[in-house]
Amino acid sequence: MPVLSRRRFLLGLAASPVVLSSCSKTVGAVPDSRRALPIPPLAASTLDADGTRVFGLRAAPGRTAMVTGMNTPTWGYDGSILGPTLRARRGEAVAVEFENALPEPTTVHWHGMHLPARCDGGPHHTVAPGGRWRPAWTIRQPAATLWYHPHPHGATEKHLYRGLAGLFIVDDDASPAALPHDYGVDDVPLIIQDRRFTPTGTLDESDATDVGLLGDTIVTNGINDAYLSVPSEKVRLRILNGSGGRLLHLGFDDDREFHLVATDGGLVAEPVGVHRVLLSPGERAEIVVTVTLGVPVSLRAFPIEERTGIPAGKAHRFGFDDSFHVLEIRPHPTLSSSAALPTVLTNLPAAVAAHPHTARSFDLRWHMINSSRMDMDRVDFCSTVDTDEIWTVRNVDDWPHNFHVHDTQFRIVDVDGEPPPAALAGYKDTVYTPPGQRIRLAVRFSDYTDRTWAYMYHCHLALHEDQGMMGQFLVLAPGDEPAPAQMDMSDHAMR
């Protein structure tokens, strides 16, 4: 596991207390009033006798100074907000001992992780207050920035909004050594979320829009108006849009080019030079930005320019007109040089199988998929393990939606019949689906079968999934028959 370097220790002293940091409320404040970005700590772990790496997580209430002068009630894992970064290697066996110290049932879903359905942490895997859960699996996927979050049906947005989220980084031996990789120093996690506060400093959970709770304040790693001091000219930002309903159109205030090096499921084939990256809720992007001695630069969320299918009078209701400061990057006075980015990052196979086994279609509208709302006791379809499928996803609404599939990293075959742009050509588990757009996905479920426990597919705008924009499916071995569990949710929470 990673070892804390002297450089990381010195730079992280001011930033390490994630839950106690305060910051300026005013976007236009002088730079010295900004708070150092908290870095989520790497989660402690132990090795069992059989070599399994065991993590512990405890969800509990707390209080967090997200904004200066406001001591806000929040929820977090192993702290008052967010959670530590879990980290493991491809091929490693892992287990998580989870304890629910919240006043209501919750779950922990391993978003983007390939794992058995019984360990997925979806809405069937609720853990009662005071209860415990111990999922265990083997990491069977390439290096990637994944995340974990609650997934209780009907309450996901609230649990996310109160602070429950954290990263799960997968490492492997194939990642280029030239990419910045010193965690918390030149390889920095950014969990970006929006929040709204009452005058007394509590989270304002009222007046949801059509896309859910939209905040007027951006918090990054749990605080707003943050800065990051970087010691080397290239910094890798592992960015998660951890918001419930807000899309983030990210770029820098001087419009500089930066390079996209990874998406949800891992590295892209080669660095992609971009000036903006659009992330819908749940999506991740890894970018590398080059800084210059003496020249600070700010990461911002810009208004969303692509509005095809969005009625002009509704764009502001979806937050498309908003702009926010996200993070100021300050080059350290002793800025050191960095290695050049590799020209090739990974070898991506072709996205489409020659003879896909099954074709499926999913129409997104209002709070439904294919005109149906989520039913915990209904399995919508069964997939056969280790076979290729093509899924056609269409947003037939005039609202923004996105589409997330559990247990797999899919590839985008085409968007409205055209090859995907380079920024969408890698492995994904969540994709933004603008109104009127048709996206075809190459999907495959490998290794694991289960006649009883289901995986989910859904819109990851949390209000939409809470309202029923979700379905479930089983992955079966050839010839198997489904035997789905019938859930009485009042009795099902694990204790």
Protein backbone atom coordinates (compact mmCIF):
# COMPACT_ATOMS: atom_id res chain seq x y z
CA MET A 1 0.00 0.00 0.00
CA PRO A 2 1.17 3.61 -0.55
CA VAL A 3 3.63 5.04 1.98
CA LEU A 4 3.39 8.62 3.23
CA SER A 5 6.30 10.58 1.75
CA ARG A 6 8.01 13.48 3.55
CA ARG A 7 6.87 15.85 0.80
CA ARG A 8 3.27 14.68 1.10
CA PHE A 9 3.42 15.03 4.87
CA LEU A 10 4.74 18.58 4.79
CA LEU A 11 2.28 19.76 2.16
CA GLY A 12 -0.64 18.01 3.82
CA LEU A 13 -0.28 19.31 7.36
CA ALA A 14 -2.69 22.20 6.85
CA ALA A 15 -5.08 20.22 4.68
CA SER A 16 -5.44 16.92 6.51
CA PRO A 17 -8.46 17.58 8.80
CA VAL A 18 -11.23 17.09 6.23
CA VAL A 19 -14.04 17.77 8.66
CA LEU A 20 -12.66 20.73 10.57
CA SER A 21 -11.55 23.01 7.75
CA SER A 22 -13.23 26.38 7.28
CA CYS A 23 -13.18 28.67 4.28
CA SER A 24 -14.36 31.96 2.86
CA LYS A 25 -18.01 32.29 1.87
CA THR A 26 -17.25 34.91 -0.74
CA VAL A 27 -16.18 33.85 -4.23
CA GLY A 28 -14.38 37.16 -4.74
CA ALA A 29 -12.41 36.95 -1.49
CA VAL A 30 -8.69 37.73 -1.45
CA PRO A 31 -6.62 34.57 -2.08
CA ASP A 32 -5.24 34.32 1.47
CA SER A 33 -8.75 33.91 2.85
CA ARG A 34 -9.17 30.62 1.00
CA ARG A 35 -8.70 27.34 2.83
CA ALA A 36 -6.21 24.65 1.92
CA LEU A 37 -7.96 21.79 0.14
CA PRO A 38 -8.53 18.84 2.51
CA ILE A 39 -7.19 15.57 1.11
CA PRO A 40 -9.28 12.51 2.03
CA PRO A 41 -6.90 10.19 3.91
CA LEU A 42 -6.02 6.79 2.54
CA ALA A 43 -8.09 4.23 4.43
CA ALA A 44 -6.27 2.03 6.87
CA SER A 45 -6.43 -1.71 6.22
CA THR A 46 -5.23 -5.03 7.60
CA LEU A 47 -4.35 -8.32 5.94
CA ASP A 48 -6.22 -11.45 6.96
CA ALA A 49 -4.41 -14.76 7.20
CA ASP A 50 -5.60 -15.62 3.69
CA GLY A 51 -4.21 -12.36 2.26
CA THR A 52 -7.52 -10.49 2.07
CA ARG A 53 -7.10 -6.75 2.54
CA VAL A 54 -9.77 -5.66 5.03
CA PHE A 55 -11.04 -2.08 5.32
CA GLY A 56 -13.40 -0.68 7.93
CA LEU A 57 -16.06 1.99 7.32
CA ARG A 58 -18.44 3.52 9.81
CA ALA A 59 -21.25 5.81 8.66
CA ALA A 60 -22.25 8.30 11.36
CA PRO A 61 -23.55 11.84 11.91
CA GLY A 62 -21.19 14.73 12.57
CA ARG A 63 -20.74 18.46 12.07
CA THR A 64 -18.62 20.10 9.38
CA ALA A 65 -17.47 23.66 8.68
CA MET A 66 -18.11 23.52 4.94
CA VAL A 67 -18.45 27.32 4.95
CA THR A 68 -16.72 29.73 7.34
CA GLY A 69 -18.80 30.44 10.40
CA MET A 70 -21.26 27.62 9.75
CA ASN A 71 -21.08 24.40 11.74
CA THR A 72 -23.33 22.23 9.60
CA PRO A 73 -24.82 18.86 10.64
CA THR A 74 -23.54 16.29 8.14
CA TRP A 75 -23.04 12.55 7.63
CA GLY A 76 -19.77 10.86 6.80
CA TYR A 77 -17.75 7.67 6.74
CA ASP A 78 -15.06 7.56 9.47
CA GLY A 79 -15.48 11.32 9.93
CA SER A 80 -18.11 14.01 9.80
CA ILE A 81 -18.28 14.24 5.97
CA LEU A 82 -17.25 12.18 2.93
CA GLY A 83 -14.95 9.23 3.64
CA PRO A 84 -11.40 7.94 3.31
CA THR A 85 -10.02 6.79 -0.02
CA LEU A 86 -9.94 3.01 -0.23
CA ARG A 87 -7.09 1.72 -2.39
CA ALA A 88 -6.31 -1.78 -3.64
CA ARG A 89 -4.58 -3.49 -6.55
CA ARG A 90 -5.92 -5.54 -9.42
CA GLY A 91 -5.97 -9.20 -8.40
CA GLU A 92 -6.16 -8.41 -4.69
CA ALA A 93 -8.88 -9.89 -2.46
CA VAL A 94 -10.64 -7.20 -0.43
CA ALA A 95 -13.34 -7.00 2.22
CA VAL A 96 -15.08 -4.05 3.86
CA GLU A 97 -16.43 -4.23 7.40
CA PHE A 98 -19.20 -1.65 7.35
CA GLU A 99 -21.06 -0.35 10.39
CA ASN A 100 -24.16 1.84 10.22
CA ALA A 101 -24.21 4.34 13.09
CA LEU A 102 -26.79 6.55 11.36
CA PRO A 103 -30.34 6.95 12.69
CA GLU A 104 -31.84 5.22 9.62
CA PRO A 105 -31.03 2.34 7.24
CA THR A 106 -28.48 2.92 4.50
CA THR A 107 -26.37 0.97 2.02
CA VAL A 108 -22.86 1.21 0.57
CA HIS A 109 -22.68 0.76 -3.21
CA TRP A 110 -19.28 0.29 -4.91
CA HIS A 111 -19.91 2.46 -7.98
CA GLY A 112 -17.99 1.24 -11.04
CA MET A 113 -16.71 -1.90 -9.33
CA HIS A 114 -16.91 -5.34 -10.98
CA LEU A 115 -18.05 -7.64 -8.17
CA PRO A 116 -20.65 -10.28 -7.24
CA ALA A 117 -24.24 -9.04 -7.04
CA ARG A 118 -24.49 -10.07 -3.38
CA CYS A 119 -21.69 -7.54 -2.61
CA ASP A 120 -22.96 -4.70 -4.82
CA GLY A 121 -24.55 -2.62 -2.08
CA GLY A 122 -27.64 -1.67 -4.05
CA PRO A 123 -31.09 -0.97 -2.62
CA HIS A 124 -31.62 -4.60 -1.55
CA HIS A 125 -28.57 -4.48 0.71
CA THR A 126 -29.83 -2.07 3.36
CA VAL A 127 -28.06 -2.10 6.72
CA ALA A 128 -30.21 -1.20 9.73
CA PRO A 129 -29.10 1.37 12.33
CA GLY A 130 -26.54 -0.40 14.48
CA GLY A 131 -26.16 -3.10 11.84
CA ARG A 132 -23.05 -4.42 10.09
CA TRP A 133 -22.25 -5.80 6.64
CA ARG A 134 -19.09 -7.46 5.29
CA PRO A 135 -18.92 -7.75 1.49
CA ALA A 136 -15.80 -9.44 0.10
CA TRP A 137 -14.58 -9.83 -3.47
CA THR A 138 -11.48 -9.92 -5.69
CA ILE A 139 -10.49 -6.87 -7.75
CA ARG A 140 -10.86 -7.91 -11.41
CA GLN A 141 -10.52 -4.73 -13.45
CA PRO A 142 -7.88 -2.27 -14.63
CA ALA A 143 -6.66 0.75 -12.69
CA ALA A 144 -9.45 3.31 -12.29
CA THR A 145 -10.95 5.95 -10.02
CA LEU A 146 -14.15 4.45 -8.62
CA TRP A 147 -16.29 5.62 -5.73
CA TYR A 148 -18.64 4.43 -3.01
CA HIS A 149 -21.90 5.97 -1.87
CA PRO A 150 -25.29 5.09 -0.33
CA HIS A 151 -28.01 3.55 -2.49
CA PRO A 152 -31.17 3.15 -0.35
CA HIS A 153 -34.20 3.22 -2.64
CA GLY A 154 -36.13 6.45 -2.19
CA ALA A 155 -33.48 8.11 -0.01
CA THR A 156 -30.27 8.12 -2.07
CA GLU A 157 -30.36 11.86 -2.79
CA LYS A 158 -30.74 12.76 0.88
CA HIS A 159 -27.93 10.45 2.00
CA LEU A 160 -25.58 11.79 -0.68
CA TYR A 161 -26.51 15.39 0.07
CA ARG A 162 -25.71 14.98 3.74
CA GLY A 163 -22.17 13.93 2.89
CA LEU A 164 -21.86 10.18 2.32
CA ALA A 165 -19.34 9.59 -0.49
CA GLY A 166 -15.73 8.48 -0.95
CA LEU A 167 -13.29 7.27 -3.58
CA PHE A 168 -12.06 3.72 -4.24
CA ILE A 169 -8.87 3.75 -6.32
CA VAL A 170 -7.82 0.59 -8.15
CA ASP A 171 -4.14 0.27 -9.12
CA ASP A 172 -2.43 -2.09 -11.54
CA ASP A 173 1.04 -2.73 -12.97
CA ALA A 174 0.11 -1.49 -16.45
CA SER A 175 -0.36 2.20 -15.59
CA PRO A 176 2.42 4.37 -17.04
CA ALA A 177 4.93 5.44 -14.39
CA ALA A 178 5.21 8.87 -16.05
CA LEU A 179 1.70 9.84 -14.91
CA PRO A 180 1.70 11.82 -11.64
CA HIS A 181 1.04 9.27 -8.91
CA ASP A 182 2.01 10.69 -5.48
CA TYR A 183 -1.37 10.66 -3.73
CA GLY A 184 -2.34 14.01 -2.26
CA VAL A 185 0.68 15.78 -3.77
CA ASP A 186 0.63 15.61 -7.57
CA ASP A 187 -2.18 13.02 -7.78
CA VAL A 188 -5.12 14.69 -6.07
CA PRO A 189 -8.72 13.52 -5.52
CA LEU A 190 -11.47 16.10 -6.08
CA ILE A 191 -15.00 15.30 -4.96
CA ILE A 192 -17.07 18.21 -6.29
CA GLN A 193 -20.60 18.77 -4.98
CA ASP A 194 -23.14 21.55 -4.70
CA ARG A 195 -24.93 22.55 -1.51
CA ARG A 196 -27.45 25.11 -0.29
CA PHE A 197 -27.58 26.35 3.31
CA THR A 198 -30.23 27.84 5.55
CA PRO A 199 -29.41 31.08 7.45
CA THR A 200 -28.54 28.97 10.50
CA GLY A 201 -26.02 26.89 8.55
CA THR A 202 -27.97 23.65 8.18
CA LEU A 203 -28.27 21.99 4.79
CA ASP A 204 -31.32 23.27 2.91
CA GLU A 205 -33.14 20.17 1.65
CA SER A 206 -36.26 22.03 0.47
CA ASP A 207 -37.51 23.11 -2.94
CA ALA A 208 -36.05 20.45 -5.21
CA THR A 209 -36.00 21.27 -8.92
CA ASP A 210 -36.79 18.87 -11.76
CA VAL A 211 -33.23 17.53 -11.41
CA GLY A 212 -33.22 17.47 -7.62
CA LEU A 213 -31.56 19.62 -4.98
CA LEU A 214 -29.45 22.30 -6.70
CA GLY A 215 -27.11 24.24 -4.44
CA ASP A 216 -25.74 27.76 -4.79
CA THR A 217 -22.41 26.81 -3.20
CA ILE A 218 -19.75 24.45 -4.55
CA VAL A 219 -17.86 22.36 -2.03
CA THR A 220 -14.70 20.49 -3.00
CA ASN A 221 -13.58 17.68 -0.70
CA GLY A 222 -16.05 19.01 1.84
CA ILE A 223 -15.28 22.76 1.86
CA ASN A 224 -15.98 25.71 -0.43
CA ASP A 225 -13.53 28.28 -1.84
CA ALA A 226 -10.51 25.98 -1.58
CA TYR A 227 -6.96 26.20 -2.89
CA LEU A 228 -4.32 23.54 -3.60
CA SER A 229 -0.58 24.15 -3.41
CA VAL A 230 1.25 21.95 -5.92
CA PRO A 231 5.00 21.20 -5.85
CA SER A 232 5.46 20.04 -9.45
CA GLU A 233 4.52 21.45 -12.83
CA LYS A 234 2.07 18.67 -13.68
CA VAL A 235 -0.77 17.70 -11.38
CA ARG A 236 -3.24 14.89 -11.89
CA LEU A 237 -6.76 15.61 -10.68
CA ARG A 238 -9.08 12.64 -10.09
CA ILE A 239 -12.44 14.38 -10.41
CA LEU A 240 -15.79 13.01 -9.27
CA ASN A 241 -19.05 14.83 -9.85
CA GLY A 242 -20.54 13.81 -6.52
CA SER A 243 -23.59 16.06 -6.85
CA GLY A 244 -27.11 14.73 -6.81
CA GLY A 245 -28.44 16.56 -9.86
CA ARG A 246 -25.98 19.21 -11.06
CA LEU A 247 -23.97 18.81 -14.26
CA LEU A 248 -20.44 20.25 -14.12
CA HIS A 249 -18.82 21.88 -17.17
CA LEU A 250 -15.24 22.14 -15.95
CA GLY A 251 -12.31 24.15 -17.23
CA PHE A 252 -9.79 26.76 -16.13
CA ASP A 253 -10.32 30.49 -15.79
CA ASP A 254 -7.61 31.30 -18.39
CA ASP A 255 -9.05 28.74 -20.84
CA ARG A 256 -5.82 26.75 -20.86
CA GLU A 257 -5.67 23.32 -22.44
CA PHE A 258 -5.38 20.30 -20.17
CA HIS A 259 -5.28 16.58 -20.89
CA LEU A 260 -7.91 13.97 -20.15
CA VAL A 261 -6.11 10.73 -19.26
CA ALA A 262 -8.89 8.57 -17.82
CA THR A 263 -12.65 8.27 -17.57
CA ASP A 264 -14.92 6.20 -15.29
CA GLY A 265 -13.37 2.81 -16.00
CA GLY A 266 -9.72 3.74 -16.41
CA LEU A 267 -7.19 5.12 -18.84
CA VAL A 268 -8.08 6.36 -22.31
CA ALA A 269 -5.90 5.24 -25.21
CA GLU A 270 -3.87 8.45 -25.36
CA PRO A 271 -4.01 11.86 -23.64
CA VAL A 272 -6.85 13.97 -25.05
CA GLY A 273 -6.21 17.71 -25.15
CA VAL A 274 -9.35 19.60 -24.08
CA HIS A 275 -10.42 22.99 -22.72
CA ARG A 276 -13.61 21.73 -21.05
CA VAL A 277 -14.91 18.45 -19.66
CA LEU A 278 -18.59 17.81 -18.92
CA LEU A 279 -19.43 15.49 -16.03
CA SER A 280 -22.96 14.50 -15.05
CA PRO A 281 -23.61 13.14 -11.53
CA GLY A 282 -21.58 10.01 -10.84
CA GLU A 283 -19.12 10.45 -13.72
CA ARG A 284 -15.37 10.67 -13.14
CA ALA A 285 -12.51 12.09 -15.16
CA GLU A 286 -8.78 12.12 -14.54
CA ILE A 287 -7.05 15.16 -15.98
CA VAL A 288 -3.47 16.39 -16.01
CA VAL A 289 -2.91 20.14 -15.94
CA THR A 290 0.44 21.91 -16.35
CA VAL A 291 1.11 24.90 -14.09
CA THR A 292 3.71 27.66 -14.29
CA LEU A 293 5.79 29.10 -11.47
CA GLY A 294 4.15 32.20 -10.03
CA VAL A 295 0.93 31.81 -12.03
CA PRO A 296 -2.05 30.51 -10.01
CA VAL A 297 -5.00 29.19 -11.98
CA SER A 298 -8.57 28.40 -10.97
CA LEU A 299 -10.67 25.40 -11.90
CA ARG A 300 -14.23 26.58 -12.57
CA ALA A 301 -17.63 25.16 -13.39
CA PHE A 302 -18.85 27.09 -16.44
CA PRO A 303 -22.36 27.44 -17.86
CA ILE A 304 -23.32 24.42 -19.95
CA GLU A 305 -23.22 25.34 -23.61
CA GLU A 306 -24.69 22.21 -25.18
CA ARG A 307 -28.45 22.62 -24.71
CA THR A 308 -29.94 20.64 -27.57
CA GLY A 309 -33.42 19.53 -26.58
CA ILE A 310 -33.53 21.72 -23.45
CA PRO A 311 -36.36 24.29 -23.67
CA ALA A 312 -34.91 27.81 -23.36
CA GLY A 313 -37.14 28.61 -20.40
CA LYS A 314 -36.01 25.53 -18.46
CA ALA A 315 -32.22 25.70 -18.74
CA HIS A 316 -31.83 27.83 -15.62
CA ARG A 317 -34.00 25.38 -13.65
CA PHE A 318 -31.44 22.68 -14.40
CA GLY A 319 -28.51 24.86 -13.32
CA PHE A 320 -27.20 25.24 -16.88
CA ASP A 321 -26.64 29.01 -16.49
CA ASP A 322 -24.63 28.79 -13.27
CA SER A 323 -20.90 29.37 -12.86
CA PHE A 324 -18.76 28.58 -9.80
CA HIS A 325 -15.21 28.67 -8.48
CA VAL A 326 -14.16 25.10 -7.73
CA LEU A 327 -10.47 25.18 -6.78
CA GLU A 328 -7.50 27.55 -7.04
CA ILE A 329 -4.22 25.82 -7.92
CA ARG A 330 -1.16 27.60 -6.57
CA PRO A 331 2.28 26.56 -7.86
CA HIS A 332 4.72 26.14 -4.99
CA PRO A 333 7.70 28.56 -5.01
CA THR A 334 10.05 25.59 -5.42
CA LEU A 335 8.09 24.14 -8.33
CA SER A 336 9.84 21.08 -9.75
CA SER A 337 9.70 19.74 -13.28
CA SER A 338 7.57 16.72 -14.22
CA ALA A 339 7.97 13.92 -16.73
CA ALA A 340 6.32 14.39 -20.10
CA LEU A 341 2.96 12.70 -20.54
CA PRO A 342 3.17 9.37 -22.36
CA THR A 343 1.86 9.49 -25.91
CA VAL A 344 0.15 6.10 -25.36
CA LEU A 345 -1.62 5.32 -22.09
CA THR A 346 -3.23 1.94 -22.73
CA ASN A 347 -4.36 -0.37 -25.50
CA LEU A 348 -8.14 -0.23 -25.85
CA PRO A 349 -9.77 -3.09 -27.75
CA ALA A 350 -12.51 -2.47 -30.29
CA ALA A 351 -15.74 -1.38 -28.63
CA VAL A 352 -18.11 -3.65 -30.59
CA ALA A 353 -18.16 -7.43 -30.64
CA ALA A 354 -18.50 -8.94 -34.08
CA HIS A 355 -21.70 -10.80 -33.15
CA PRO A 356 -23.42 -9.36 -30.08
CA HIS A 357 -25.63 -11.86 -28.30
CA THR A 358 -28.50 -9.55 -27.34
CA ALA A 359 -29.87 -6.10 -28.15
CA ARG A 360 -31.83 -4.09 -25.58
CA SER A 361 -33.46 -0.64 -25.63
CA PHE A 362 -33.99 1.83 -22.81
CA ASP A 363 -36.11 4.98 -23.19
CA LEU A 364 -35.68 7.60 -20.46
CA ARG A 365 -38.63 9.85 -19.67
CA TRP A 366 -39.76 11.69 -16.54
CA HIS A 367 -39.04 9.29 -13.66
CA MET A 368 -39.38 6.12 -15.72
CA ILE A 369 -37.38 3.79 -17.95
CA ASN A 370 -39.38 2.14 -20.73
CA SER A 371 -42.53 3.62 -19.17
CA SER A 372 -42.01 1.75 -15.89
CA ARG A 373 -40.92 2.79 -12.43
CA MET A 374 -38.66 0.73 -10.21
CA ASP A 375 -40.31 -2.21 -8.46
CA MET A 376 -38.11 -3.90 -5.85
CA ASP A 377 -39.85 -7.22 -6.53
CA ARG A 378 -39.66 -7.09 -10.35
CA VAL A 379 -36.66 -8.30 -12.36
CA ASP A 380 -36.76 -6.48 -15.68
CA PHE A 381 -34.57 -8.90 -17.64
CA CYS A 382 -31.85 -11.53 -17.33
CA SER A 383 -28.45 -11.35 -19.04
CA THR A 384 -26.25 -14.35 -19.79
CA VAL A 385 -22.78 -14.23 -18.29
CA ASP A 386 -19.79 -13.65 -20.59
CA THR A 387 -21.86 -12.63 -23.61
CA ASP A 388 -21.86 -9.37 -25.55
CA GLU A 389 -24.89 -7.09 -25.63
CA ILE A 390 -25.74 -3.80 -27.34
CA TRP A 391 -27.88 -1.42 -25.32
CA THR A 392 -29.59 1.53 -27.03
CA VAL A 393 -30.33 4.36 -24.61
CA ARG A 394 -32.55 7.29 -25.63
CA ASN A 395 -33.58 10.36 -23.70
CA VAL A 396 -37.10 11.01 -25.02
CA ASP A 397 -37.66 13.73 -22.43
CA ASP A 398 -36.90 17.46 -22.37
CA TRP A 399 -35.00 17.06 -19.09
CA PRO A 400 -31.35 16.07 -18.69
CA HIS A 401 -30.77 12.46 -17.65
CA ASN A 402 -27.83 10.12 -17.52
CA PHE A 403 -27.49 6.34 -17.48
CA HIS A 404 -25.50 4.15 -15.07
CA VAL A 405 -25.09 0.36 -15.15
CA HIS A 406 -23.85 -1.65 -12.19
CA ASP A 407 -21.06 -4.29 -12.37
CA THR A 408 -19.69 -3.32 -15.78
CA GLN A 409 -17.60 -0.81 -17.64
CA PHE A 410 -19.24 -0.34 -21.04
CA ARG A 411 -17.95 1.22 -24.23
CA ILE A 412 -19.88 3.77 -26.27
CA VAL A 413 -20.43 2.41 -29.78
CA ASP A 414 -21.92 5.55 -31.28
CA VAL A 415 -23.83 8.73 -30.47
CA ASP A 416 -26.69 9.36 -32.89
CA GLY A 417 -24.93 7.06 -35.33
CA GLU A 418 -21.55 8.82 -35.14
CA PRO A 419 -18.42 7.50 -33.40
CA PRO A 420 -18.04 8.88 -29.87
CA PRO A 421 -15.66 11.79 -29.34
CA ALA A 422 -12.23 10.87 -28.01
CA ALA A 423 -13.22 11.96 -24.49
CA LEU A 424 -15.97 9.29 -24.47
CA ALA A 425 -14.11 6.50 -26.24
CA GLY A 426 -12.78 4.75 -23.12
CA TYR A 427 -14.46 2.60 -20.49
CA LYS A 428 -17.51 4.16 -18.82
CA ASP A 429 -20.13 3.17 -16.30
CA THR A 430 -22.16 6.41 -16.43
CA VAL A 431 -22.95 8.55 -19.46
CA TYR A 432 -24.82 11.83 -19.89
CA THR A 433 -27.84 11.44 -22.17
CA PRO A 434 -29.03 14.84 -23.48
CA PRO A 435 -32.65 15.19 -24.61
CA GLY A 436 -33.28 13.63 -28.00
CA GLN A 437 -29.98 11.76 -28.13
CA ARG A 438 -29.53 8.07 -28.89
CA ILE A 439 -26.45 6.37 -27.46
CA ARG A 440 -25.50 2.75 -28.16
CA LEU A 441 -23.45 0.91 -25.53
CA ALA A 442 -21.39 -2.29 -25.80
CA VAL A 443 -22.09 -4.12 -22.51
CA ARG A 444 -20.75 -7.38 -21.11
CA PHE A 445 -21.22 -9.00 -17.68
CA SER A 446 -18.39 -11.36 -16.80
CA ASP A 447 -17.38 -13.85 -14.12
CA TYR A 448 -20.31 -13.62 -11.71
CA THR A 449 -23.79 -15.16 -11.81
CA ASP A 450 -26.58 -15.06 -9.27
CA ARG A 451 -30.15 -16.35 -9.60
CA THR A 452 -31.35 -14.23 -6.67
CA TRP A 453 -29.39 -11.00 -6.22
CA ALA A 454 -29.85 -8.33 -8.86
CA TYR A 455 -27.80 -5.46 -10.27
CA MET A 456 -29.27 -2.04 -11.09
CA TYR A 457 -29.41 0.27 -14.10
CA HIS A 458 -30.71 3.79 -13.57
CA CYS A 459 -30.46 7.50 -14.07
CA HIS A 460 -27.80 8.78 -11.68
CA LEU A 461 -29.55 12.09 -11.05
CA ALA A 462 -30.36 10.95 -7.53
CA LEU A 463 -33.87 12.40 -7.34
CA HIS A 464 -34.77 10.62 -10.57
CA GLU A 465 -33.63 7.22 -9.31
CA ASP A 466 -35.36 7.83 -5.96
CA GLN A 467 -38.59 8.54 -7.86
CA GLY A 468 -38.34 5.27 -9.78
CA MET A 469 -36.07 5.85 -12.80
CA MET A 470 -34.34 2.54 -12.18
CA GLY A 471 -34.60 -1.12 -13.08
CA GLN A 472 -32.88 -4.34 -12.09
CA PHE A 473 -31.53 -7.42 -13.81
CA LEU A 474 -29.98 -10.77 -13.03
CA VAL A 475 -26.85 -12.25 -14.59
CA LEU A 476 -27.32 -15.99 -15.13
CA ALA A 477 -25.26 -18.92 -16.31
CA PRO A 478 -26.52 -20.53 -19.54
CA GLY A 479 -29.62 -22.61 -18.79
CA ASP A 480 -30.18 -21.17 -15.32
CA GLU A 481 -33.61 -19.99 -14.24
CA PRO A 482 -34.07 -16.87 -12.10
CA ALA A 483 -35.11 -17.17 -8.47
CA PRO A 484 -35.31 -13.51 -7.39
CA ALA A 485 -35.84 -12.66 -3.76
CA GLN A 486 -39.16 -11.11 -2.81
CA MET A 487 -38.28 -8.21 -0.56
CA ASP A 488 -40.10 -7.04 2.52
CA MET A 489 -37.98 -3.92 3.06
CA SER A 490 -39.32 -3.40 6.58
CA ASP A 491 -37.64 -6.66 7.64
CA HIS A 492 -34.76 -6.86 5.19
CA ALA A 493 -32.27 -4.41 6.67
CA MET A 494 -29.17 -6.35 7.73
CA ARG A 495 -28.42 -6.34 11.43
